[in-house]
C-alpha atoms as a PDB file:
ATOM      1  CA  UNK A   1     -23.906 -19.237 -19.571  1.00  0.00           C
ATOM      2  CA  UNK A   2     -27.578 -18.241 -19.806  1.00  0.00           C
ATOM      3  CA  UNK A   3     -29.484 -14.958 -19.931  1.00  0.00           C
ATOM      4  CA  UNK A   4     -31.029 -13.921 -16.613  1.00  0.00           C
ATOM      5  CA  UNK A   5     -33.080 -10.975 -15.539  1.00  0.00           C
ATOM      6  CA  UNK A   6     -31.384  -8.520 -13.298  1.00  0.00           C
ATOM      7  CA  UNK A   7     -32.924  -8.255  -9.859  1.00  0.00           C
ATOM      8  CA  UNK A   8     -34.592  -4.944  -9.065  1.00  0.00           C
ATOM      9  CA  UNK A   9     -34.368  -3.484 -12.619  1.00  0.00           C
ATOM     10  CA  UNK A  10     -36.433  -3.461 -15.831  1.00  0.00           C
ATOM     11  CA  UNK A  11     -37.425  -6.805 -17.267  1.00  0.00           C
ATOM     12  CA  UNK A  12     -35.706  -5.710 -20.568  1.00  0.00           C
ATOM     13  CA  UNK A  13     -32.365  -5.416 -18.667  1.00  0.00           C
ATOM     14  CA  UNK A  14     -30.461  -8.620 -19.063  1.00  0.00           C
ATOM     15  CA  UNK A  15     -26.850  -9.694 -18.842  1.00  0.00           C
ATOM     16  CA  UNK A  16     -24.931 -12.907 -19.319  1.00  0.00           C
ATOM     17  CA  UNK A  17     -24.113 -14.557 -16.056  1.00  0.00           C
ATOM     18  CA  UNK A  18     -21.350 -16.967 -15.295  1.00  0.00           C
ATOM     19  CA  UNK A  19     -22.024 -19.980 -13.103  1.00  0.00           C
ATOM     20  CA  UNK A  20     -19.804 -18.818 -10.220  1.00  0.00           C
ATOM     21  CA  UNK A  21     -21.632 -15.477 -10.231  1.00  0.00           C
ATOM     22  CA  UNK A  22     -25.012 -17.232 -10.207  1.00  0.00           C
ATOM     23  CA  UNK A  23     -23.966 -19.398  -7.253  1.00  0.00           C
ATOM     24  CA  UNK A  24     -22.689 -16.574  -5.164  1.00  0.00           C
ATOM     25  CA  UNK A  25     -24.711 -16.107  -1.971  1.00  0.00           C
ATOM     26  CA  UNK A  26     -25.003 -12.315  -1.570  1.00  0.00           C
ATOM     27  CA  UNK A  27     -27.285 -12.705   1.493  1.00  0.00           C
ATOM     28  CA  UNK A  28     -24.619 -14.699   3.306  1.00  0.00           C
ATOM     29  CA  UNK A  29     -21.997 -12.167   2.228  1.00  0.00           C
ATOM     30  CA  UNK A  30     -24.131  -9.288   3.595  1.00  0.00           C
ATOM     31  CA  UNK A  31     -24.733 -11.126   6.926  1.00  0.00           C
ATOM     32  CA  UNK A  32     -21.018 -11.734   7.345  1.00  0.00           C
ATOM     33  CA  UNK A  33     -20.134  -8.174   6.625  1.00  0.00           C
ATOM     34  CA  UNK A  34     -22.758  -6.761   8.963  1.00  0.00           C
ATOM     35  CA  UNK A  35     -21.228  -8.811  11.819  1.00  0.00           C
ATOM     36  CA  UNK A  36     -17.555  -8.441  10.898  1.00  0.00           C
ATOM     37  CA  UNK A  37     -17.177  -5.060   9.120  1.00  0.00           C
ATOM     38  CA  UNK A  38     -15.511  -3.581  12.159  1.00  0.00           C
ATOM     39  CA  UNK A  39     -12.639  -5.986  11.747  1.00  0.00           C
ATOM     40  CA  UNK A  40     -11.389  -3.571   9.041  1.00  0.00           C
ATOM     41  CA  UNK A  41     -10.097  -1.403  11.939  1.00  0.00           C
ATOM     42  CA  UNK A  42      -8.034  -4.372  13.115  1.00  0.00           C
ATOM     43  CA  UNK A  43      -6.589  -4.751   9.588  1.00  0.00           C
ATOM     44  CA  UNK A  44      -5.709  -1.018   9.625  1.00  0.00           C
ATOM     45  CA  UNK A  45      -4.017  -1.109  13.029  1.00  0.00           C
ATOM     46  CA  UNK A  46      -1.892  -4.141  11.992  1.00  0.00           C
ATOM     47  CA  UNK A  47      -1.119  -2.512   8.679  1.00  0.00           C
ATOM     48  CA  UNK A  48       0.076   0.681  10.317  1.00  0.00           C
ATOM     49  CA  UNK A  49       2.193  -1.241  12.789  1.00  0.00           C
ATOM     50  CA  UNK A  50       3.799  -3.310  10.083  1.00  0.00           C
ATOM     51  CA  UNK A  51       4.383  -0.363   7.803  1.00  0.00           C
ATOM     52  CA  UNK A  52       6.002   1.988  10.224  1.00  0.00           C
ATOM     53  CA  UNK A  53       7.749  -0.821  12.090  1.00  0.00           C
ATOM     54  CA  UNK A  54       8.975  -2.157   8.778  1.00  0.00           C
ATOM     55  CA  UNK A  55      10.413   1.170   7.824  1.00  0.00           C
ATOM     56  CA  UNK A  56      12.280   1.275  11.158  1.00  0.00           C
ATOM     57  CA  UNK A  57      13.566  -2.276  10.508  1.00  0.00           C
ATOM     58  CA  UNK A  58      14.790  -1.557   6.969  1.00  0.00           C
ATOM     59  CA  UNK A  59      16.458   1.704   7.862  1.00  0.00           C
ATOM     60  CA  UNK A  60      19.947   0.180   8.465  1.00  0.00           C
ATOM     61  CA  UNK A  61      19.455  -2.571   5.861  1.00  0.00           C
ATOM     62  CA  UNK A  62      19.936  -2.596   2.127  1.00  0.00           C
ATOM     63  CA  UNK A  63      16.838  -2.367  -0.023  1.00  0.00           C
ATOM     64  CA  UNK A  64      15.425  -5.592  -1.508  1.00  0.00           C
ATOM     65  CA  UNK A  65      14.964  -6.168  -5.241  1.00  0.00           C
ATOM     66  CA  UNK A  66      11.701  -8.142  -5.318  1.00  0.00           C
ATOM     67  CA  UNK A  67      11.337  -7.659  -9.035  1.00  0.00           C
ATOM     68  CA  UNK A  68       9.630 -11.052  -9.773  1.00  0.00           C
ATOM     69  CA  UNK A  69       7.228 -10.913  -6.790  1.00  0.00           C
ATOM     70  CA  UNK A  70       6.285  -7.361  -7.787  1.00  0.00           C
ATOM     71  CA  UNK A  71       5.538  -8.325 -11.374  1.00  0.00           C
ATOM     72  CA  UNK A  72       3.321 -11.271 -10.192  1.00  0.00           C
ATOM     73  CA  UNK A  73       1.635  -9.145  -7.549  1.00  0.00           C
ATOM     74  CA  UNK A  74       0.847  -6.233  -9.885  1.00  0.00           C
ATOM     75  CA  UNK A  75      -0.159  -8.534 -12.785  1.00  0.00           C
ATOM     76  CA  UNK A  76      -2.608 -10.517 -10.532  1.00  0.00           C
ATOM     77  CA  UNK A  77      -4.254  -7.329  -9.358  1.00  0.00           C
ATOM     78  CA  UNK A  78      -4.303  -5.895 -12.845  1.00  0.00           C
ATOM     79  CA  UNK A  79      -6.082  -9.049 -14.113  1.00  0.00           C
ATOM     80  CA  UNK A  80      -8.571  -8.931 -11.230  1.00  0.00           C
ATOM     81  CA  UNK A  81      -9.265  -5.257 -11.683  1.00  0.00           C
ATOM     82  CA  UNK A  82      -9.686  -5.692 -15.519  1.00  0.00           C
ATOM     83  CA  UNK A  83     -12.177  -8.434 -15.028  1.00  0.00           C
ATOM     84  CA  UNK A  84     -14.059  -6.602 -12.357  1.00  0.00           C
ATOM     85  CA  UNK A  85     -14.176  -3.360 -14.445  1.00  0.00           C
ATOM     86  CA  UNK A  86     -15.554  -5.301 -17.397  1.00  0.00           C
ATOM     87  CA  UNK A  87     -18.291  -7.013 -15.370  1.00  0.00           C
ATOM     88  CA  UNK A  88     -19.379  -4.150 -13.233  1.00  0.00           C
ATOM     89  CA  UNK A  89     -18.895  -1.709 -16.185  1.00  0.00           C
ATOM     90  CA  UNK A  90     -21.225  -3.752 -18.469  1.00  0.00           C
ATOM     91  CA  UNK A  91     -23.796  -3.786 -15.594  1.00  0.00           C
ATOM     92  CA  UNK A  92     -23.565  -0.028 -15.122  1.00  0.00           C
ATOM     93  CA  UNK A  93     -23.843   0.671 -18.833  1.00  0.00           C
ATOM     94  CA  UNK A  94     -27.078  -1.463 -18.912  1.00  0.00           C
ATOM     95  CA  UNK A  95     -28.482   0.368 -15.948  1.00  0.00           C
ATOM     96  CA  UNK A  96     -27.636   3.739 -17.480  1.00  0.00           C
ATOM     97  CA  UNK A  97     -29.151   2.896 -20.891  1.00  0.00           C
ATOM     98  CA  UNK A  98     -32.378   1.340 -19.437  1.00  0.00           C
ATOM     99  CA  UNK A  99     -32.919   3.376 -16.246  1.00  0.00           C
ATOM    100  CA  UNK A 100     -31.018   6.591 -16.637  1.00  0.00           C
ATOM    101  CA  UNK A 101     -28.345   8.321 -14.558  1.00  0.00           C
ATOM    102  CA  UNK A 102     -30.339   8.816 -11.403  1.00  0.00           C
ATOM    103  CA  UNK A 103     -31.177   5.188 -11.213  1.00  0.00           C
ATOM    104  CA  UNK A 104     -27.522   4.293 -11.708  1.00  0.00           C
ATOM    105  CA  UNK A 105     -26.736   6.297  -8.639  1.00  0.00           C
ATOM    106  CA  UNK A 106     -29.655   5.306  -6.354  1.00  0.00           C
ATOM    107  CA  UNK A 107     -30.565   1.801  -7.182  1.00  0.00           C
ATOM    108  CA  UNK A 108     -29.291  -0.886  -4.766  1.00  0.00           C
ATOM    109  CA  UNK A 109     -29.531  -3.690  -7.393  1.00  0.00           C
ATOM    110  CA  UNK A 110     -25.744  -3.469  -7.869  1.00  0.00           C
ATOM    111  CA  UNK A 111     -25.300  -5.274  -4.633  1.00  0.00           C
ATOM    112  CA  UNK A 112     -27.604  -8.227  -5.562  1.00  0.00           C
ATOM    113  CA  UNK A 113     -27.747  -8.177  -9.359  1.00  0.00           C
ATOM    114  CA  UNK A 114     -26.801 -11.638 -10.870  1.00  0.00           C
ATOM    115  CA  UNK A 115     -23.686 -10.311 -12.549  1.00  0.00           C
ATOM    116  CA  UNK A 116     -22.619  -7.565 -10.207  1.00  0.00           C
ATOM    117  CA  UNK A 117     -23.289  -9.127  -6.727  1.00  0.00           C
ATOM    118  CA  UNK A 118     -20.133 -11.259  -6.827  1.00  0.00           C
ATOM    119  CA  UNK A 119     -17.924  -8.359  -7.963  1.00  0.00           C
ATOM    120  CA  UNK A 120     -19.314  -5.978  -5.387  1.00  0.00           C
ATOM    121  CA  UNK A 121     -18.359  -8.380  -2.600  1.00  0.00           C
ATOM    122  CA  UNK A 122     -15.021  -9.225  -4.229  1.00  0.00           C
ATOM    123  CA  UNK A 123     -14.272  -5.500  -4.433  1.00  0.00           C
ATOM    124  CA  UNK A 124     -14.734  -4.801  -0.673  1.00  0.00           C
ATOM    125  CA  UNK A 125     -12.811  -7.962   0.362  1.00  0.00           C
ATOM    126  CA  UNK A 126      -9.919  -7.053  -2.044  1.00  0.00           C
ATOM    127  CA  UNK A 127      -9.163  -3.894  -0.052  1.00  0.00           C
ATOM    128  CA  UNK A 128      -7.606  -6.010   2.685  1.00  0.00           C
ATOM    129  CA  UNK A 129      -5.063  -7.842   0.534  1.00  0.00           C
ATOM    130  CA  UNK A 130      -4.339  -4.650  -1.438  1.00  0.00           C
ATOM    131  CA  UNK A 131      -2.693  -3.340   1.721  1.00  0.00           C
ATOM    132  CA  UNK A 132       0.184  -5.551   0.592  1.00  0.00           C
ATOM    133  CA  UNK A 133       1.133  -2.938  -1.966  1.00  0.00           C
ATOM    134  CA  UNK A 134       2.939  -1.100   0.832  1.00  0.00           C
ATOM    135  CA  UNK A 135       5.162  -4.008   1.658  1.00  0.00           C
ATOM    136  CA  UNK A 136       6.911  -3.450  -1.658  1.00  0.00           C
ATOM    137  CA  UNK A 137       7.437   0.263  -0.903  1.00  0.00           C
ATOM    138  CA  UNK A 138       8.892  -0.491   2.524  1.00  0.00           C
ATOM    139  CA  UNK A 139      11.158  -3.408   1.598  1.00  0.00           C
ATOM    140  CA  UNK A 140      12.433  -1.663  -1.522  1.00  0.00           C
ATOM    141  CA  UNK A 141      13.028   1.489   0.621  1.00  0.00           C
ATOM    142  CA  UNK A 142      11.035   3.746  -1.662  1.00  0.00           C
ATOM    143  CA  UNK A 143       9.498   7.050  -0.548  1.00  0.00           C
ATOM    144  CA  UNK A 144       6.273   6.388   1.391  1.00  0.00           C
ATOM    145  CA  UNK A 145       3.755   9.050   0.644  1.00  0.00           C
ATOM    146  CA  UNK A 146       1.048   9.995   3.033  1.00  0.00           C
ATOM    147  CA  UNK A 147      -1.383   9.713   0.178  1.00  0.00           C
ATOM    148  CA  UNK A 148      -0.397   6.081  -0.242  1.00  0.00           C
ATOM    149  CA  UNK A 149      -1.084   4.699   3.197  1.00  0.00           C
ATOM    150  CA  UNK A 150      -3.951   7.018   3.941  1.00  0.00           C
ATOM    151  CA  UNK A 151      -5.695   6.052   0.786  1.00  0.00           C
ATOM    152  CA  UNK A 152      -5.282   2.294   1.517  1.00  0.00           C
ATOM    153  CA  UNK A 153      -6.660   2.588   4.986  1.00  0.00           C
ATOM    154  CA  UNK A 154      -9.610   4.827   4.326  1.00  0.00           C
ATOM    155  CA  UNK A 155     -10.766   2.896   1.290  1.00  0.00           C
ATOM    156  CA  UNK A 156     -10.711  -0.340   3.315  1.00  0.00           C
ATOM    157  CA  UNK A 157     -12.698   1.246   6.134  1.00  0.00           C
ATOM    158  CA  UNK A 158     -15.246   2.977   3.980  1.00  0.00           C
ATOM    159  CA  UNK A 159     -15.806   0.026   1.684  1.00  0.00           C
ATOM    160  CA  UNK A 160     -16.561  -2.435   4.513  1.00  0.00           C
ATOM    161  CA  UNK A 161     -18.642   0.178   6.377  1.00  0.00           C
ATOM    162  CA  UNK A 162     -20.752   0.877   3.275  1.00  0.00           C
ATOM    163  CA  UNK A 163     -21.333  -2.604   1.973  1.00  0.00           C
ATOM    164  CA  UNK A 164     -23.111  -3.614   5.237  1.00  0.00           C
ATOM    165  CA  UNK A 165     -25.831  -0.973   4.517  1.00  0.00           C
ATOM    166  CA  UNK A 166     -25.750  -1.403   0.671  1.00  0.00           C
ATOM    167  CA  UNK A 167     -25.865   2.351   0.284  1.00  0.00           C
ATOM    168  CA  UNK A 168     -26.635   4.258  -2.943  1.00  0.00           C
ATOM    169  CA  UNK A 169     -23.743   5.253  -5.097  1.00  0.00           C
ATOM    170  CA  UNK A 170     -21.813   2.033  -4.604  1.00  0.00           C
ATOM    171  CA  UNK A 171     -22.089   0.952  -8.199  1.00  0.00           C
ATOM    172  CA  UNK A 172     -20.279   4.146  -9.351  1.00  0.00           C
ATOM    173  CA  UNK A 173     -17.681   3.990  -6.583  1.00  0.00           C
ATOM    174  CA  UNK A 174     -16.717   0.317  -7.262  1.00  0.00           C
ATOM    175  CA  UNK A 175     -16.893   0.499 -11.028  1.00  0.00           C
ATOM    176  CA  UNK A 176     -14.707   3.613 -11.226  1.00  0.00           C
ATOM    177  CA  UNK A 177     -12.181   2.049  -8.757  1.00  0.00           C
ATOM    178  CA  UNK A 178     -11.988  -1.163 -10.712  1.00  0.00           C
ATOM    179  CA  UNK A 179     -11.357   0.828 -13.923  1.00  0.00           C
ATOM    180  CA  UNK A 180      -8.619   2.967 -12.536  1.00  0.00           C
ATOM    181  CA  UNK A 181      -6.914   0.045 -10.830  1.00  0.00           C
ATOM    182  CA  UNK A 182      -6.990  -1.881 -14.077  1.00  0.00           C
ATOM    183  CA  UNK A 183      -4.882   0.869 -15.635  1.00  0.00           C
ATOM    184  CA  UNK A 184      -2.730   1.468 -12.565  1.00  0.00           C
ATOM    185  CA  UNK A 185      -1.706  -2.156 -11.809  1.00  0.00           C
ATOM    186  CA  UNK A 186      -1.156  -2.864 -15.484  1.00  0.00           C
ATOM    187  CA  UNK A 187       1.294   0.118 -15.484  1.00  0.00           C
ATOM    188  CA  UNK A 188       2.998  -1.133 -12.383  1.00  0.00           C
ATOM    189  CA  UNK A 189       3.383  -4.621 -13.878  1.00  0.00           C
ATOM    190  CA  UNK A 190       4.866  -3.241 -17.070  1.00  0.00           C
ATOM    191  CA  UNK A 191       7.327  -1.046 -15.166  1.00  0.00           C
ATOM    192  CA  UNK A 192       8.350  -3.886 -12.832  1.00  0.00           C
ATOM    193  CA  UNK A 193       8.990  -6.040 -15.903  1.00  0.00           C
ATOM    194  CA  UNK A 194      11.412  -3.470 -17.243  1.00  0.00           C
ATOM    195  CA  UNK A 195       9.218  -2.307 -20.104  1.00  0.00           C
ATOM    196  CA  UNK A 196       9.614   1.317 -21.185  1.00  0.00           C
ATOM    197  CA  UNK A 197       6.352   3.084 -20.537  1.00  0.00           C
ATOM    198  CA  UNK A 198       5.791   6.576 -21.891  1.00  0.00           C
ATOM    199  CA  UNK A 199       5.785   9.161 -19.074  1.00  0.00           C
ATOM    200  CA  UNK A 200       2.546  10.789 -20.324  1.00  0.00           C
ATOM    201  CA  UNK A 201       0.793   7.444 -19.643  1.00  0.00           C
ATOM    202  CA  UNK A 202       1.611   7.810 -15.891  1.00  0.00           C
ATOM    203  CA  UNK A 203       0.174  11.369 -15.990  1.00  0.00           C
ATOM    204  CA  UNK A 204      -2.827  10.007 -17.690  1.00  0.00           C
ATOM    205  CA  UNK A 205      -3.403   7.410 -15.006  1.00  0.00           C
ATOM    206  CA  UNK A 206      -3.153  10.077 -12.318  1.00  0.00           C
ATOM    207  CA  UNK A 207      -5.593  12.218 -14.323  1.00  0.00           C
ATOM    208  CA  UNK A 208      -7.955   9.269 -14.342  1.00  0.00           C
ATOM    209  CA  UNK A 209      -7.634   9.108 -10.526  1.00  0.00           C
ATOM    210  CA  UNK A 210      -8.416  12.770 -10.271  1.00  0.00           C
ATOM    211  CA  UNK A 211     -11.506  12.239 -12.426  1.00  0.00           C
ATOM    212  CA  UNK A 212     -12.545   9.297 -10.176  1.00  0.00           C
ATOM    213  CA  UNK A 213     -12.300  11.476  -7.068  1.00  0.00           C
ATOM    214  CA  UNK A 214     -14.239  14.382  -8.685  1.00  0.00           C
ATOM    215  CA  UNK A 215     -16.988  11.965  -9.811  1.00  0.00           C
ATOM    216  CA  UNK A 216     -17.054  10.259  -6.413  1.00  0.00           C
ATOM    217  CA  UNK A 217     -17.581  13.699  -4.758  1.00  0.00           C
ATOM    218  CA  UNK A 218     -20.391  14.527  -7.237  1.00  0.00           C
ATOM    219  CA  UNK A 219     -22.135  11.177  -6.709  1.00  0.00           C
ATOM    220  CA  UNK A 220     -21.957  11.698  -2.960  1.00  0.00           C
ATOM    221  CA  UNK A 221     -23.528  15.194  -3.324  1.00  0.00           C
ATOM    222  CA  UNK A 222     -26.304  13.744  -5.535  1.00  0.00           C
ATOM    223  CA  UNK A 223     -27.032  10.937  -3.006  1.00  0.00           C
ATOM    224  CA  UNK A 224     -27.331  13.621  -0.307  1.00  0.00           C
ATOM    225  CA  UNK A 225     -29.684  15.734  -2.548  1.00  0.00           C
ATOM    226  CA  UNK A 226     -31.903  12.753  -3.468  1.00  0.00           C
ATOM    227  CA  UNK A 227     -32.010  10.979  -0.112  1.00  0.00           C
ATOM    228  CA  UNK A 228     -35.057  12.900   1.138  1.00  0.00           C
ATOM    229  CA  UNK A 229     -37.076  11.691  -1.896  1.00  0.00           C
ATOM    230  CA  UNK A 230     -36.967   8.090  -0.586  1.00  0.00           C
ATOM    231  CA  UNK A 231     -35.545   6.432  -3.733  1.00  0.00           C
ATOM    232  CA  UNK A 232     -31.869   6.923  -2.840  1.00  0.00           C
ATOM    233  CA  UNK A 233     -31.195   4.866   0.237  1.00  0.00           C
ATOM    234  CA  UNK A 234     -28.179   5.903   2.311  1.00  0.00           C
ATOM    235  CA  UNK A 235     -27.352   7.386   5.652  1.00  0.00           C
ATOM    236  CA  UNK A 236     -26.309  10.915   6.479  1.00  0.00           C
ATOM    237  CA  UNK A 237     -23.133   9.796   8.300  1.00  0.00           C
ATOM    238  CA  UNK A 238     -22.225   7.620   5.282  1.00  0.00           C
ATOM    239  CA  UNK A 239     -22.674  10.482   2.856  1.00  0.00           C
ATOM    240  CA  UNK A 240     -20.649  12.712   5.101  1.00  0.00           C
ATOM    241  CA  UNK A 241     -17.793  10.283   5.337  1.00  0.00           C
ATOM    242  CA  UNK A 242     -17.836   9.714   1.537  1.00  0.00           C
ATOM    243  CA  UNK A 243     -17.791  13.404   0.876  1.00  0.00           C
ATOM    244  CA  UNK A 244     -14.872  14.056   3.216  1.00  0.00           C
ATOM    245  CA  UNK A 245     -12.961  11.066   1.906  1.00  0.00           C
ATOM    246  CA  UNK A 246     -13.339  11.962  -1.794  1.00  0.00           C
ATOM    247  CA  UNK A 247     -12.584  15.653  -1.116  1.00  0.00           C
ATOM    248  CA  UNK A 248      -9.377  14.704   0.718  1.00  0.00           C
ATOM    249  CA  UNK A 249      -8.392  12.357  -2.117  1.00  0.00           C
ATOM    250  CA  UNK A 250      -9.079  15.059  -4.700  1.00  0.00           C
ATOM    251  CA  UNK A 251      -6.877  17.582  -2.876  1.00  0.00           C
ATOM    252  CA  UNK A 252      -4.085  15.047  -2.255  1.00  0.00           C
ATOM    253  CA  UNK A 253      -4.075  13.743  -5.899  1.00  0.00           C
ATOM    254  CA  UNK A 254      -4.110  17.379  -7.115  1.00  0.00           C
ATOM    255  CA  UNK A 255      -1.021  18.149  -5.022  1.00  0.00           C
ATOM    256  CA  UNK A 256       0.631  14.920  -6.259  1.00  0.00           C
ATOM    257  CA  UNK A 257      -0.156  15.682  -9.884  1.00  0.00           C
ATOM    258  CA  UNK A 258       1.232  19.262  -9.573  1.00  0.00           C
ATOM    259  CA  UNK A 259       4.466  18.279  -7.909  1.00  0.00           C
ATOM    260  CA  UNK A 260       5.116  15.191 -10.014  1.00  0.00           C
ATOM    261  CA  UNK A 261       4.223  16.414 -13.464  1.00  0.00           C
ATOM    262  CA  UNK A 262       3.570  20.190 -13.658  1.00  0.00           C
ATOM    263  CA  UNK A 263       6.208  21.555 -11.309  1.00  0.00           C
ATOM    264  CA  UNK A 264       8.860  19.050 -12.425  1.00  0.00           C
ATOM    265  CA  UNK A 265       8.113  19.768 -16.042  1.00  0.00           C
ATOM    266  CA  UNK A 266       8.459  23.556 -15.507  1.00  0.00           C
ATOM    267  CA  UNK A 267      11.854  22.995 -13.711  1.00  0.00           C
ATOM    268  CA  UNK A 268      13.166  21.028 -16.784  1.00  0.00           C
ATOM    269  CA  UNK A 269      12.329  23.869 -19.148  1.00  0.00           C
END
């Protein structure tokens, strides 16, 4: 590894860069996404057909165990998310310490910085294979929440739609998601492995998701406020979709938190 200057930021802002991060071609990735981002709709249509077709198929059949595949699946996504959170998190901390909060929201360097460029692209691509989460819900005949499939589909669509324009706010959106998923998939892996996980930890993870949605809504509002100044590049339609998406997530997760933890706890008393 060697020390390299971050593109588009202060010369004092430096982070260690791995060789695979250095070799990553962000221009090629951007060009591919600008041409192919609309394929995310195809993924969502196929996903919906498989999910609801799969539920119909499994209705008269016994549920599958799938314990080992679920452990491996959750563990792989946990490790990916932990690594992504560490790499993007270190970048965001550096931007915040050297450039301040406004720069961390508005600066597009997250998409082409030596450290973060690989993880930004890996993030948006990962939203397609993450749809596989629902296969375990369907095949194990668990309750399929609207929040579950709605969240998967809209995150995929918005991530691909936004990457092609490298809009402001992406650094916060991706870093927060990496961090929450690092906790969530680690929890899933532990549960699948049969480990006893304290119930308050599950509530804490849902609380972190609520915090993510509230912060996402705040960042979207700030991008909208700062856009006219010319240093916070985005599009009005993108900010509108982001705001609606995060607001809907916030309401749905609040409802989930209330019914899962608060109301159930009150009934037990």
